[in-house]
């Protein structure tokens, strides 16, 4: 199991910085994480978020590849339904060569209506479009269609599908499943068998909402405004264009009191290194987990907390897994 960090490169208004500084600091943090021993870095994707959430993860992955030499570089997740499969395959192949075979392609279906409207794509067809994109991208990469070819063959592809039907679809396609939910292992294995794939090839990965700190209670209090922003932005994106009423804002006071509803966004845990090790073991033991990644930062949280979190994750958590 490899432990990594997950970047969404937000720049929320209350803590906004010049964009060159945001991107430059993120790249510097990727380099420092590699120096400290991080196994992987992952870049996410959203569009039209007010805080500038990273819209093009492969572009940033190329920059990270040019600045590093060892760390694995992944997307978690790329919205492949918004792009021609050939475009994705060519970009992936170039980055894979640039990184000397360190790229992991995580693909997801998305959910926010405005994102699909921006790309003139029907959100109601996102699962079928995503399944088709996965199959075509794999064909273009593994069968040597695009040039230059990717450095890796077969190329590591993941699907960030949730729920039993999504897990089964990932299995049928013979790709990794970006979920740490043990309840999805059975349908995922069933899908592998249905798709003619060896169940022994099952591999999973995914996010744990953990920040590591020396003093978790004090750190959590400082992170609360950033976490509230993160939660509210995801909820707004899910409701936009759906015909549903705008969600009621989750306040810092509600989070502090534990009143935020569960099930919409997993609850953030701020833990000591020892407690983080225990939490990761609890979430992964008995599962075919290849990658686990933690937030690198929560919506522009203070630099000192980010830097210490990365240091503790790489030097005190990862070695004890």
C-alpha atoms as a PDB file:
ATOM      1  CA  UNK A   1       0.000   0.000   0.000  1.00  0.00           C
ATOM      2  CA  UNK A   2       1.328   3.406  -1.052  1.00  0.00           C
ATOM      3  CA  UNK A   3       0.450   6.576   0.885  1.00  0.00           C
ATOM      4  CA  UNK A   4       0.081   9.813  -1.030  1.00  0.00           C
ATOM      5  CA  UNK A   5      -1.414  13.301  -1.064  1.00  0.00           C
ATOM      6  CA  UNK A   6      -4.406  14.728  -2.904  1.00  0.00           C
ATOM      7  CA  UNK A   7      -4.457  18.236  -4.395  1.00  0.00           C
ATOM      8  CA  UNK A   8      -7.446  20.256  -5.605  1.00  0.00           C
ATOM      9  CA  UNK A   9      -5.653  23.650  -5.735  1.00  0.00           C
ATOM     10  CA  UNK A  10      -8.467  25.794  -4.388  1.00  0.00           C
ATOM     11  CA  UNK A  11      -8.003  29.520  -3.830  1.00  0.00           C
ATOM     12  CA  UNK A  12     -11.026  30.635  -1.761  1.00  0.00           C
ATOM     13  CA  UNK A  13     -11.789  34.342  -1.573  1.00  0.00           C
ATOM     14  CA  UNK A  14     -11.309  34.791   2.195  1.00  0.00           C
ATOM     15  CA  UNK A  15      -7.718  33.550   1.852  1.00  0.00           C
ATOM     16  CA  UNK A  16      -7.082  34.304  -1.831  1.00  0.00           C
ATOM     17  CA  UNK A  17      -3.559  34.659  -3.222  1.00  0.00           C
ATOM     18  CA  UNK A  18      -2.252  35.471  -6.703  1.00  0.00           C
ATOM     19  CA  UNK A  19      -2.751  32.404  -8.876  1.00  0.00           C
ATOM     20  CA  UNK A  20       0.940  32.026  -9.799  1.00  0.00           C
ATOM     21  CA  UNK A  21       1.650  31.754  -6.081  1.00  0.00           C
ATOM     22  CA  UNK A  22      -1.069  29.137  -5.577  1.00  0.00           C
ATOM     23  CA  UNK A  23       0.248  26.929  -8.366  1.00  0.00           C
ATOM     24  CA  UNK A  24       3.881  27.557  -7.532  1.00  0.00           C
ATOM     25  CA  UNK A  25       3.415  26.663  -3.868  1.00  0.00           C
ATOM     26  CA  UNK A  26       1.523  23.513  -4.807  1.00  0.00           C
ATOM     27  CA  UNK A  27       4.341  22.389  -7.099  1.00  0.00           C
ATOM     28  CA  UNK A  28       6.889  23.167  -4.392  1.00  0.00           C
ATOM     29  CA  UNK A  29       4.832  21.059  -1.984  1.00  0.00           C
ATOM     30  CA  UNK A  30       4.790  18.170  -4.468  1.00  0.00           C
ATOM     31  CA  UNK A  31       8.585  18.347  -4.697  1.00  0.00           C
ATOM     32  CA  UNK A  32       8.924  18.482  -0.907  1.00  0.00           C
ATOM     33  CA  UNK A  33       6.522  15.562  -0.480  1.00  0.00           C
ATOM     34  CA  UNK A  34       8.649  13.492  -2.862  1.00  0.00           C
ATOM     35  CA  UNK A  35      11.791  14.457  -0.925  1.00  0.00           C
ATOM     36  CA  UNK A  36      10.137  13.350   2.320  1.00  0.00           C
ATOM     37  CA  UNK A  37       9.156   9.990   0.825  1.00  0.00           C
ATOM     38  CA  UNK A  38       5.563  10.359  -0.360  1.00  0.00           C
ATOM     39  CA  UNK A  39       4.607   7.513  -2.670  1.00  0.00           C
ATOM     40  CA  UNK A  40       2.107   9.405  -4.803  1.00  0.00           C
ATOM     41  CA  UNK A  41       0.428  12.726  -5.542  1.00  0.00           C
ATOM     42  CA  UNK A  42      -3.067  12.980  -7.021  1.00  0.00           C
ATOM     43  CA  UNK A  43      -4.843  15.841  -8.766  1.00  0.00           C
ATOM     44  CA  UNK A  44      -8.594  16.346  -8.914  1.00  0.00           C
ATOM     45  CA  UNK A  45     -10.951  18.109 -11.332  1.00  0.00           C
ATOM     46  CA  UNK A  46     -13.925  20.437 -11.150  1.00  0.00           C
ATOM     47  CA  UNK A  47     -15.134  23.294 -13.316  1.00  0.00           C
ATOM     48  CA  UNK A  48     -16.689  26.701 -12.618  1.00  0.00           C
ATOM     49  CA  UNK A  49     -16.051  26.577  -8.873  1.00  0.00           C
ATOM     50  CA  UNK A  50     -15.794  30.086  -7.423  1.00  0.00           C
ATOM     51  CA  UNK A  51     -12.517  29.171  -5.719  1.00  0.00           C
ATOM     52  CA  UNK A  52     -10.867  28.089  -8.962  1.00  0.00           C
ATOM     53  CA  UNK A  53     -10.784  24.359  -8.173  1.00  0.00           C
ATOM     54  CA  UNK A  54      -8.277  22.735 -10.525  1.00  0.00           C
ATOM     55  CA  UNK A  55     -10.048  22.223 -13.892  1.00  0.00           C
ATOM     56  CA  UNK A  56      -7.281  20.455 -15.830  1.00  0.00           C
ATOM     57  CA  UNK A  57      -5.508  17.790 -13.751  1.00  0.00           C
ATOM     58  CA  UNK A  58      -3.433  16.399 -16.617  1.00  0.00           C
ATOM     59  CA  UNK A  59      -1.948  19.838 -17.264  1.00  0.00           C
ATOM     60  CA  UNK A  60      -0.862  20.056 -13.644  1.00  0.00           C
ATOM     61  CA  UNK A  61       0.315  16.433 -13.698  1.00  0.00           C
ATOM     62  CA  UNK A  62       2.679  17.338 -16.547  1.00  0.00           C
ATOM     63  CA  UNK A  63       4.132  20.166 -14.472  1.00  0.00           C
ATOM     64  CA  UNK A  64       4.545  17.829 -11.505  1.00  0.00           C
ATOM     65  CA  UNK A  65       6.218  15.232 -13.719  1.00  0.00           C
ATOM     66  CA  UNK A  66       8.764  17.800 -14.866  1.00  0.00           C
ATOM     67  CA  UNK A  67       9.641  18.717 -11.272  1.00  0.00           C
ATOM     68  CA  UNK A  68       9.911  15.187  -9.816  1.00  0.00           C
ATOM     69  CA  UNK A  69      11.696  11.912 -10.500  1.00  0.00           C
ATOM     70  CA  UNK A  70      10.197   9.187  -8.294  1.00  0.00           C
ATOM     71  CA  UNK A  71       6.720   9.912  -6.918  1.00  0.00           C
ATOM     72  CA  UNK A  72       3.704   8.365  -8.671  1.00  0.00           C
ATOM     73  CA  UNK A  73       1.389  10.946 -10.245  1.00  0.00           C
ATOM     74  CA  UNK A  74      -2.336  10.321 -10.478  1.00  0.00           C
ATOM     75  CA  UNK A  75      -5.676  11.883 -11.378  1.00  0.00           C
ATOM     76  CA  UNK A  76      -8.487  11.390  -8.908  1.00  0.00           C
ATOM     77  CA  UNK A  77     -10.471  11.906 -10.882  1.00  0.00           C
ATOM     78  CA  UNK A  78     -10.416  13.051 -14.513  1.00  0.00           C
ATOM     79  CA  UNK A  79     -13.863  13.591 -16.058  1.00  0.00           C
ATOM     80  CA  UNK A  80     -13.221  11.668 -19.249  1.00  0.00           C
ATOM     81  CA  UNK A  81     -16.791  12.071 -20.530  1.00  0.00           C
ATOM     82  CA  UNK A  82     -16.043  15.754 -21.161  1.00  0.00           C
ATOM     83  CA  UNK A  83     -13.142  15.046 -23.528  1.00  0.00           C
ATOM     84  CA  UNK A  84     -12.486  13.033 -26.687  1.00  0.00           C
ATOM     85  CA  UNK A  85     -10.851   9.723 -25.747  1.00  0.00           C
ATOM     86  CA  UNK A  86      -8.023  10.339 -28.210  1.00  0.00           C
ATOM     87  CA  UNK A  87      -7.187  13.657 -26.554  1.00  0.00           C
ATOM     88  CA  UNK A  88      -6.977  11.992 -23.128  1.00  0.00           C
ATOM     89  CA  UNK A  89      -4.890   9.098 -24.458  1.00  0.00           C
ATOM     90  CA  UNK A  90      -2.406  11.394 -26.194  1.00  0.00           C
ATOM     91  CA  UNK A  91      -2.001  13.653 -23.165  1.00  0.00           C
ATOM     92  CA  UNK A  92      -1.593  10.626 -20.911  1.00  0.00           C
ATOM     93  CA  UNK A  93       1.046   9.115 -23.178  1.00  0.00           C
ATOM     94  CA  UNK A  94       3.064  12.333 -23.272  1.00  0.00           C
ATOM     95  CA  UNK A  95       2.954  12.718 -19.472  1.00  0.00           C
ATOM     96  CA  UNK A  96       3.803   9.058 -18.984  1.00  0.00           C
ATOM     97  CA  UNK A  97       6.897   9.447 -21.143  1.00  0.00           C
ATOM     98  CA  UNK A  98       7.791  12.742 -19.462  1.00  0.00           C
ATOM     99  CA  UNK A  99       7.553  11.056 -16.053  1.00  0.00           C
ATOM    100  CA  UNK A 100       9.266   7.830 -17.150  1.00  0.00           C
ATOM    101  CA  UNK A 101       6.177   5.726 -16.489  1.00  0.00           C
ATOM    102  CA  UNK A 102       4.838   7.222 -13.261  1.00  0.00           C
ATOM    103  CA  UNK A 103       1.286   8.225 -14.249  1.00  0.00           C
ATOM    104  CA  UNK A 104      -1.911   6.674 -12.823  1.00  0.00           C
ATOM    105  CA  UNK A 105      -5.126   7.581 -14.678  1.00  0.00           C
ATOM    106  CA  UNK A 106      -8.115   7.804 -12.346  1.00  0.00           C
ATOM    107  CA  UNK A 107     -11.381   8.498 -14.176  1.00  0.00           C
ATOM    108  CA  UNK A 108     -14.764   9.489 -12.757  1.00  0.00           C
ATOM    109  CA  UNK A 109     -18.267  10.174 -14.034  1.00  0.00           C
ATOM    110  CA  UNK A 110     -18.840  13.557 -12.393  1.00  0.00           C
ATOM    111  CA  UNK A 111     -22.145  14.870 -11.092  1.00  0.00           C
ATOM    112  CA  UNK A 112     -22.379  18.655 -11.467  1.00  0.00           C
ATOM    113  CA  UNK A 113     -24.756  19.779 -14.228  1.00  0.00           C
ATOM    114  CA  UNK A 114     -22.985  23.093 -15.070  1.00  0.00           C
ATOM    115  CA  UNK A 115     -19.733  21.228 -15.761  1.00  0.00           C
ATOM    116  CA  UNK A 116     -21.412  19.088 -18.399  1.00  0.00           C
ATOM    117  CA  UNK A 117     -23.227  22.073 -19.867  1.00  0.00           C
ATOM    118  CA  UNK A 118     -19.893  23.892 -20.175  1.00  0.00           C
ATOM    119  CA  UNK A 119     -18.677  21.060 -22.424  1.00  0.00           C
ATOM    120  CA  UNK A 120     -22.001  20.580 -24.232  1.00  0.00           C
ATOM    121  CA  UNK A 121     -22.350  17.082 -22.796  1.00  0.00           C
ATOM    122  CA  UNK A 122     -25.470  15.373 -21.428  1.00  0.00           C
ATOM    123  CA  UNK A 123     -25.010  14.718 -17.715  1.00  0.00           C
ATOM    124  CA  UNK A 124     -27.702  12.022 -17.792  1.00  0.00           C
ATOM    125  CA  UNK A 125     -25.462   9.925 -20.072  1.00  0.00           C
ATOM    126  CA  UNK A 126     -22.310  10.330 -17.987  1.00  0.00           C
ATOM    127  CA  UNK A 127     -21.943   6.699 -16.918  1.00  0.00           C
ATOM    128  CA  UNK A 128     -22.292   5.273 -20.402  1.00  0.00           C
ATOM    129  CA  UNK A 129     -19.970   7.937 -21.791  1.00  0.00           C
ATOM    130  CA  UNK A 130     -17.424   7.246 -19.063  1.00  0.00           C
ATOM    131  CA  UNK A 131     -17.503   3.472 -19.564  1.00  0.00           C
ATOM    132  CA  UNK A 132     -16.998   3.973 -23.301  1.00  0.00           C
ATOM    133  CA  UNK A 133     -14.166   6.433 -22.681  1.00  0.00           C
ATOM    134  CA  UNK A 134     -12.348   3.965 -20.410  1.00  0.00           C
ATOM    135  CA  UNK A 135     -12.545   1.206 -23.015  1.00  0.00           C
ATOM    136  CA  UNK A 136     -11.391   3.487 -25.841  1.00  0.00           C
ATOM    137  CA  UNK A 137      -8.557   5.087 -23.852  1.00  0.00           C
ATOM    138  CA  UNK A 138      -7.262   1.665 -22.861  1.00  0.00           C
ATOM    139  CA  UNK A 139      -7.407   0.508 -26.503  1.00  0.00           C
ATOM    140  CA  UNK A 140      -5.549   3.609 -27.713  1.00  0.00           C
ATOM    141  CA  UNK A 141      -2.848   3.238 -25.067  1.00  0.00           C
ATOM    142  CA  UNK A 142      -2.360  -0.513 -24.713  1.00  0.00           C
ATOM    143  CA  UNK A 143      -2.682  -1.348 -28.398  1.00  0.00           C
ATOM    144  CA  UNK A 144      -0.098   1.238 -29.371  1.00  0.00           C
ATOM    145  CA  UNK A 145      -2.439   3.426 -31.401  1.00  0.00           C
ATOM    146  CA  UNK A 146      -1.392   6.850 -30.137  1.00  0.00           C
ATOM    147  CA  UNK A 147       2.114   8.173 -30.640  1.00  0.00           C
ATOM    148  CA  UNK A 148       4.274   8.446 -28.755  1.00  0.00           C
ATOM    149  CA  UNK A 149       3.169   5.347 -26.869  1.00  0.00           C
ATOM    150  CA  UNK A 150       2.783   5.446 -23.115  1.00  0.00           C
ATOM    151  CA  UNK A 151       5.792   4.212 -21.171  1.00  0.00           C
ATOM    152  CA  UNK A 152       3.602   1.727 -19.246  1.00  0.00           C
ATOM    153  CA  UNK A 153       1.783  -1.159 -20.885  1.00  0.00           C
ATOM    154  CA  UNK A 154      -0.742  -2.168 -19.715  1.00  0.00           C
ATOM    155  CA  UNK A 155      -1.531   1.319 -18.532  1.00  0.00           C
ATOM    156  CA  UNK A 156      -2.868   1.680 -14.940  1.00  0.00           C
ATOM    157  CA  UNK A 157      -6.448   2.930 -15.149  1.00  0.00           C
ATOM    158  CA  UNK A 158      -8.822   3.420 -12.226  1.00  0.00           C
ATOM    159  CA  UNK A 159     -12.517   4.216 -11.956  1.00  0.00           C
ATOM    160  CA  UNK A 160     -13.829   6.364  -9.144  1.00  0.00           C
ATOM    161  CA  UNK A 161     -17.282   4.799  -9.203  1.00  0.00           C
ATOM    162  CA  UNK A 162     -19.243   4.504  -5.964  1.00  0.00           C
ATOM    163  CA  UNK A 163     -22.069   2.158  -5.026  1.00  0.00           C
ATOM    164  CA  UNK A 164     -22.426  -1.533  -5.918  1.00  0.00           C
ATOM    165  CA  UNK A 165     -23.439  -0.955  -9.529  1.00  0.00           C
ATOM    166  CA  UNK A 166     -20.480   1.337 -10.097  1.00  0.00           C
ATOM    167  CA  UNK A 167     -18.104  -1.154  -8.493  1.00  0.00           C
ATOM    168  CA  UNK A 168     -19.432  -3.911 -10.736  1.00  0.00           C
ATOM    169  CA  UNK A 169     -18.962  -1.711 -13.808  1.00  0.00           C
ATOM    170  CA  UNK A 170     -15.343  -1.066 -12.823  1.00  0.00           C
ATOM    171  CA  UNK A 171     -14.842  -4.793 -12.455  1.00  0.00           C
ATOM    172  CA  UNK A 172     -16.343  -5.574 -15.853  1.00  0.00           C
ATOM    173  CA  UNK A 173     -13.946  -3.082 -17.411  1.00  0.00           C
ATOM    174  CA  UNK A 174     -11.021  -4.726 -15.620  1.00  0.00           C
ATOM    175  CA  UNK A 175      -9.728  -1.532 -14.010  1.00  0.00           C
ATOM    176  CA  UNK A 176      -8.858  -0.541 -10.469  1.00  0.00           C
ATOM    177  CA  UNK A 177     -11.594   0.756  -8.166  1.00  0.00           C
ATOM    178  CA  UNK A 178     -10.970   4.091  -6.441  1.00  0.00           C
ATOM    179  CA  UNK A 179     -12.993   3.352  -3.336  1.00  0.00           C
ATOM    180  CA  UNK A 180     -12.025   2.073   0.095  1.00  0.00           C
ATOM    181  CA  UNK A 181     -15.583   0.931   0.884  1.00  0.00           C
ATOM    182  CA  UNK A 182     -15.334  -2.768   1.759  1.00  0.00           C
ATOM    183  CA  UNK A 183     -18.999  -3.233   0.865  1.00  0.00           C
ATOM    184  CA  UNK A 184     -18.021  -2.703  -2.772  1.00  0.00           C
ATOM    185  CA  UNK A 185     -15.487  -5.538  -2.883  1.00  0.00           C
ATOM    186  CA  UNK A 186     -18.050  -8.261  -3.590  1.00  0.00           C
ATOM    187  CA  UNK A 187     -19.744  -6.497  -6.539  1.00  0.00           C
ATOM    188  CA  UNK A 188     -16.320  -5.435  -7.806  1.00  0.00           C
ATOM    189  CA  UNK A 189     -15.148  -9.075  -7.806  1.00  0.00           C
ATOM    190  CA  UNK A 190     -18.406 -10.120  -9.472  1.00  0.00           C
ATOM    191  CA  UNK A 191     -17.791  -7.575 -12.205  1.00  0.00           C
ATOM    192  CA  UNK A 192     -14.240  -8.812 -12.741  1.00  0.00           C
ATOM    193  CA  UNK A 193     -15.550 -12.351 -13.255  1.00  0.00           C
ATOM    194  CA  UNK A 194     -18.345 -11.174 -15.554  1.00  0.00           C
ATOM    195  CA  UNK A 195     -15.831  -9.229 -17.627  1.00  0.00           C
ATOM    196  CA  UNK A 196     -13.533 -12.235 -17.977  1.00  0.00           C
ATOM    197  CA  UNK A 197     -10.848 -10.790 -15.714  1.00  0.00           C
ATOM    198  CA  UNK A 198      -8.902 -12.589 -12.998  1.00  0.00           C
ATOM    199  CA  UNK A 199     -10.358 -11.654  -9.567  1.00  0.00           C
ATOM    200  CA  UNK A 200      -6.814 -11.910  -8.221  1.00  0.00           C
ATOM    201  CA  UNK A 201      -6.078  -8.732 -10.180  1.00  0.00           C
ATOM    202  CA  UNK A 202      -8.469  -6.725  -7.988  1.00  0.00           C
ATOM    203  CA  UNK A 203      -6.933  -3.471  -6.773  1.00  0.00           C
ATOM    204  CA  UNK A 204      -8.473  -0.618  -4.871  1.00  0.00           C
ATOM    205  CA  UNK A 205      -7.458   2.819  -3.678  1.00  0.00           C
ATOM    206  CA  UNK A 206      -8.939   6.042  -2.517  1.00  0.00           C
ATOM    207  CA  UNK A 207      -9.234   9.024  -0.230  1.00  0.00           C
ATOM    208  CA  UNK A 208      -9.255   9.142   3.531  1.00  0.00           C
ATOM    209  CA  UNK A 209     -10.348  12.506   4.923  1.00  0.00           C
ATOM    210  CA  UNK A 210      -7.472  12.857   7.364  1.00  0.00           C
ATOM    211  CA  UNK A 211      -5.176  15.732   8.289  1.00  0.00           C
ATOM    212  CA  UNK A 212      -2.216  14.885  10.527  1.00  0.00           C
ATOM    213  CA  UNK A 213      -1.199  17.343  13.249  1.00  0.00           C
ATOM    214  CA  UNK A 214       0.803  17.537  16.458  1.00  0.00           C
ATOM    215  CA  UNK A 215      -2.173  19.075  18.279  1.00  0.00           C
ATOM    216  CA  UNK A 216      -5.324  17.859  16.501  1.00  0.00           C
ATOM    217  CA  UNK A 217      -7.768  19.848  18.610  1.00  0.00           C
ATOM    218  CA  UNK A 218      -6.047  23.175  17.983  1.00  0.00           C
ATOM    219  CA  UNK A 219      -5.460  22.366  14.297  1.00  0.00           C
ATOM    220  CA  UNK A 220      -9.087  21.352  13.729  1.00  0.00           C
ATOM    221  CA  UNK A 221     -10.318  24.661  15.128  1.00  0.00           C
ATOM    222  CA  UNK A 222      -8.103  26.535  12.670  1.00  0.00           C
ATOM    223  CA  UNK A 223      -9.189  24.309   9.777  1.00  0.00           C
ATOM    224  CA  UNK A 224     -12.934  24.662  10.494  1.00  0.00           C
ATOM    225  CA  UNK A 225     -13.559  27.731   8.269  1.00  0.00           C
ATOM    226  CA  UNK A 226     -11.747  26.063   5.380  1.00  0.00           C
ATOM    227  CA  UNK A 227     -13.613  22.789   5.869  1.00  0.00           C
ATOM    228  CA  UNK A 228     -16.950  24.629   5.942  1.00  0.00           C
ATOM    229  CA  UNK A 229     -16.054  26.292   2.635  1.00  0.00           C
ATOM    230  CA  UNK A 230     -15.123  22.921   1.143  1.00  0.00           C
ATOM    231  CA  UNK A 231     -18.369  21.269   2.229  1.00  0.00           C
ATOM    232  CA  UNK A 232     -20.554  24.117   1.034  1.00  0.00           C
ATOM    233  CA  UNK A 233     -18.869  24.298  -2.368  1.00  0.00           C
ATOM    234  CA  UNK A 234     -19.418  20.583  -3.012  1.00  0.00           C
ATOM    235  CA  UNK A 235     -23.055  20.802  -1.923  1.00  0.00           C
ATOM    236  CA  UNK A 236     -23.658  23.819  -4.137  1.00  0.00           C
ATOM    237  CA  UNK A 237     -22.079  22.072  -7.138  1.00  0.00           C
ATOM    238  CA  UNK A 238     -24.269  19.022  -6.630  1.00  0.00           C
ATOM    239  CA  UNK A 239     -27.452  21.129  -6.502  1.00  0.00           C
ATOM    240  CA  UNK A 240     -26.637  23.550  -9.333  1.00  0.00           C
ATOM    241  CA  UNK A 241     -28.734  22.954 -12.432  1.00  0.00           C
ATOM    242  CA  UNK A 242     -30.501  19.983 -10.842  1.00  0.00           C
ATOM    243  CA  UNK A 243     -33.799  21.699 -10.133  1.00  0.00           C
ATOM    244  CA  UNK A 244     -33.339  21.191  -6.408  1.00  0.00           C
ATOM    245  CA  UNK A 245     -33.335  24.055  -3.947  1.00  0.00           C
ATOM    246  CA  UNK A 246     -29.953  25.468  -3.016  1.00  0.00           C
ATOM    247  CA  UNK A 247     -28.676  23.654   0.064  1.00  0.00           C
ATOM    248  CA  UNK A 248     -28.637  25.432   3.393  1.00  0.00           C
ATOM    249  CA  UNK A 249     -25.137  26.574   4.257  1.00  0.00           C
ATOM    250  CA  UNK A 250     -23.210  24.517   6.777  1.00  0.00           C
ATOM    251  CA  UNK A 251     -21.807  26.914   9.332  1.00  0.00           C
ATOM    252  CA  UNK A 252     -18.675  26.675  11.425  1.00  0.00           C
ATOM    253  CA  UNK A 253     -20.889  26.490  14.497  1.00  0.00           C
ATOM    254  CA  UNK A 254     -22.727  23.457  13.120  1.00  0.00           C
ATOM    255  CA  UNK A 255     -19.454  21.722  12.335  1.00  0.00           C
ATOM    256  CA  UNK A 256     -18.061  22.546  15.741  1.00  0.00           C
ATOM    257  CA  UNK A 257     -21.159  21.111  17.357  1.00  0.00           C
ATOM    258  CA  UNK A 258     -21.180  18.007  15.204  1.00  0.00           C
ATOM    259  CA  UNK A 259     -24.526  18.974  13.673  1.00  0.00           C
ATOM    260  CA  UNK A 260     -23.550  18.675  10.009  1.00  0.00           C
ATOM    261  CA  UNK A 261     -25.423  15.893   8.262  1.00  0.00           C
ATOM    262  CA  UNK A 262     -23.404  12.800   7.449  1.00  0.00           C
ATOM    263  CA  UNK A 263     -23.393  10.976   4.132  1.00  0.00           C
ATOM    264  CA  UNK A 264     -22.926  14.018   1.891  1.00  0.00           C
ATOM    265  CA  UNK A 265     -19.211  14.566   2.407  1.00  0.00           C
ATOM    266  CA  UNK A 266     -17.208  12.270   4.703  1.00  0.00           C
ATOM    267  CA  UNK A 267     -16.313  13.905   7.994  1.00  0.00           C
ATOM    268  CA  UNK A 268     -12.802  15.296   8.285  1.00  0.00           C
ATOM    269  CA  UNK A 269     -10.567  13.805  10.960  1.00  0.00           C
ATOM    270  CA  UNK A 270      -7.552  15.660  12.334  1.00  0.00           C
ATOM    271  CA  UNK A 271      -5.347  13.055  13.991  1.00  0.00           C
ATOM    272  CA  UNK A 272      -1.954  12.502  15.571  1.00  0.00           C
ATOM    273  CA  UNK A 273       0.447  10.378  13.494  1.00  0.00           C
ATOM    274  CA  UNK A 274      -0.213   7.316  15.662  1.00  0.00           C
ATOM    275  CA  UNK A 275      -3.988   7.700  15.363  1.00  0.00           C
ATOM    276  CA  UNK A 276      -3.670   8.255  11.612  1.00  0.00           C
ATOM    277  CA  UNK A 277      -1.735   4.998  11.246  1.00  0.00           C
ATOM    278  CA  UNK A 278      -4.463   3.183  13.170  1.00  0.00           C
ATOM    279  CA  UNK A 279      -7.229   4.791  11.096  1.00  0.00           C
ATOM    280  CA  UNK A 280      -5.550   3.856   7.809  1.00  0.00           C
ATOM    281  CA  UNK A 281      -5.024   0.277   8.946  1.00  0.00           C
ATOM    282  CA  UNK A 282      -8.660   0.059  10.000  1.00  0.00           C
ATOM    283  CA  UNK A 283      -9.828   1.336   6.616  1.00  0.00           C
ATOM    284  CA  UNK A 284      -7.587  -0.913   4.517  1.00  0.00           C
ATOM    285  CA  UNK A 285      -6.869  -4.190   6.312  1.00  0.00           C
ATOM    286  CA  UNK A 286      -8.156  -7.178   4.371  1.00  0.00           C
ATOM    287  CA  UNK A 287      -8.678  -5.231   1.141  1.00  0.00           C
ATOM    288  CA  UNK A 288      -6.525  -5.235  -2.019  1.00  0.00           C
ATOM    289  CA  UNK A 289      -5.503  -1.618  -1.438  1.00  0.00           C
ATOM    290  CA  UNK A 290      -2.719  -0.248  -3.618  1.00  0.00           C
ATOM    291  CA  UNK A 291      -3.073   3.500  -2.989  1.00  0.00           C
ATOM    292  CA  UNK A 292      -4.352   5.640  -0.131  1.00  0.00           C
ATOM    293  CA  UNK A 293      -4.198   9.416  -0.331  1.00  0.00           C
ATOM    294  CA  UNK A 294      -4.941  12.166   2.180  1.00  0.00           C
ATOM    295  CA  UNK A 295      -5.798  15.809   1.534  1.00  0.00           C
ATOM    296  CA  UNK A 296      -2.698  17.896   0.996  1.00  0.00           C
ATOM    297  CA  UNK A 297      -4.686  20.931   2.123  1.00  0.00           C
ATOM    298  CA  UNK A 298      -8.296  21.756   2.895  1.00  0.00           C
ATOM    299  CA  UNK A 299      -9.469  24.790   0.910  1.00  0.00           C
ATOM    300  CA  UNK A 300      -6.514  27.088   1.461  1.00  0.00           C
ATOM    301  CA  UNK A 301      -5.860  26.169   5.077  1.00  0.00           C
ATOM    302  CA  UNK A 302      -2.869  27.828   6.840  1.00  0.00           C
ATOM    303  CA  UNK A 303       0.558  27.099   5.385  1.00  0.00           C
ATOM    304  CA  UNK A 304       2.098  25.992   8.674  1.00  0.00           C
ATOM    305  CA  UNK A 305      -0.600  23.337   9.118  1.00  0.00           C
ATOM    306  CA  UNK A 306      -0.206  22.159   5.514  1.00  0.00           C
ATOM    307  CA  UNK A 307       3.568  21.871   5.740  1.00  0.00           C
ATOM    308  CA  UNK A 308       3.497  20.055   9.095  1.00  0.00           C
ATOM    309  CA  UNK A 309       0.730  17.729   7.889  1.00  0.00           C
ATOM    310  CA  UNK A 310       2.789  16.761   4.826  1.00  0.00           C
ATOM    311  CA  UNK A 311       5.909  16.267   6.938  1.00  0.00           C
ATOM    312  CA  UNK A 312       4.142  14.086   9.529  1.00  0.00           C
ATOM    313  CA  UNK A 313       2.314  12.089   6.854  1.00  0.00           C
ATOM    314  CA  UNK A 314       5.513  11.274   4.985  1.00  0.00           C
ATOM    315  CA  UNK A 315       7.894  10.765   7.909  1.00  0.00           C
ATOM    316  CA  UNK A 316       5.769   9.395  10.743  1.00  0.00           C
ATOM    317  CA  UNK A 317       2.652   7.875   9.191  1.00  0.00           C
ATOM    318  CA  UNK A 318       3.848   6.239   5.962  1.00  0.00           C
ATOM    319  CA  UNK A 319       6.828   4.391   7.502  1.00  0.00           C
ATOM    320  CA  UNK A 320       4.516   2.787  10.082  1.00  0.00           C
ATOM    321  CA  UNK A 321       1.974   1.364   7.653  1.00  0.00           C
END
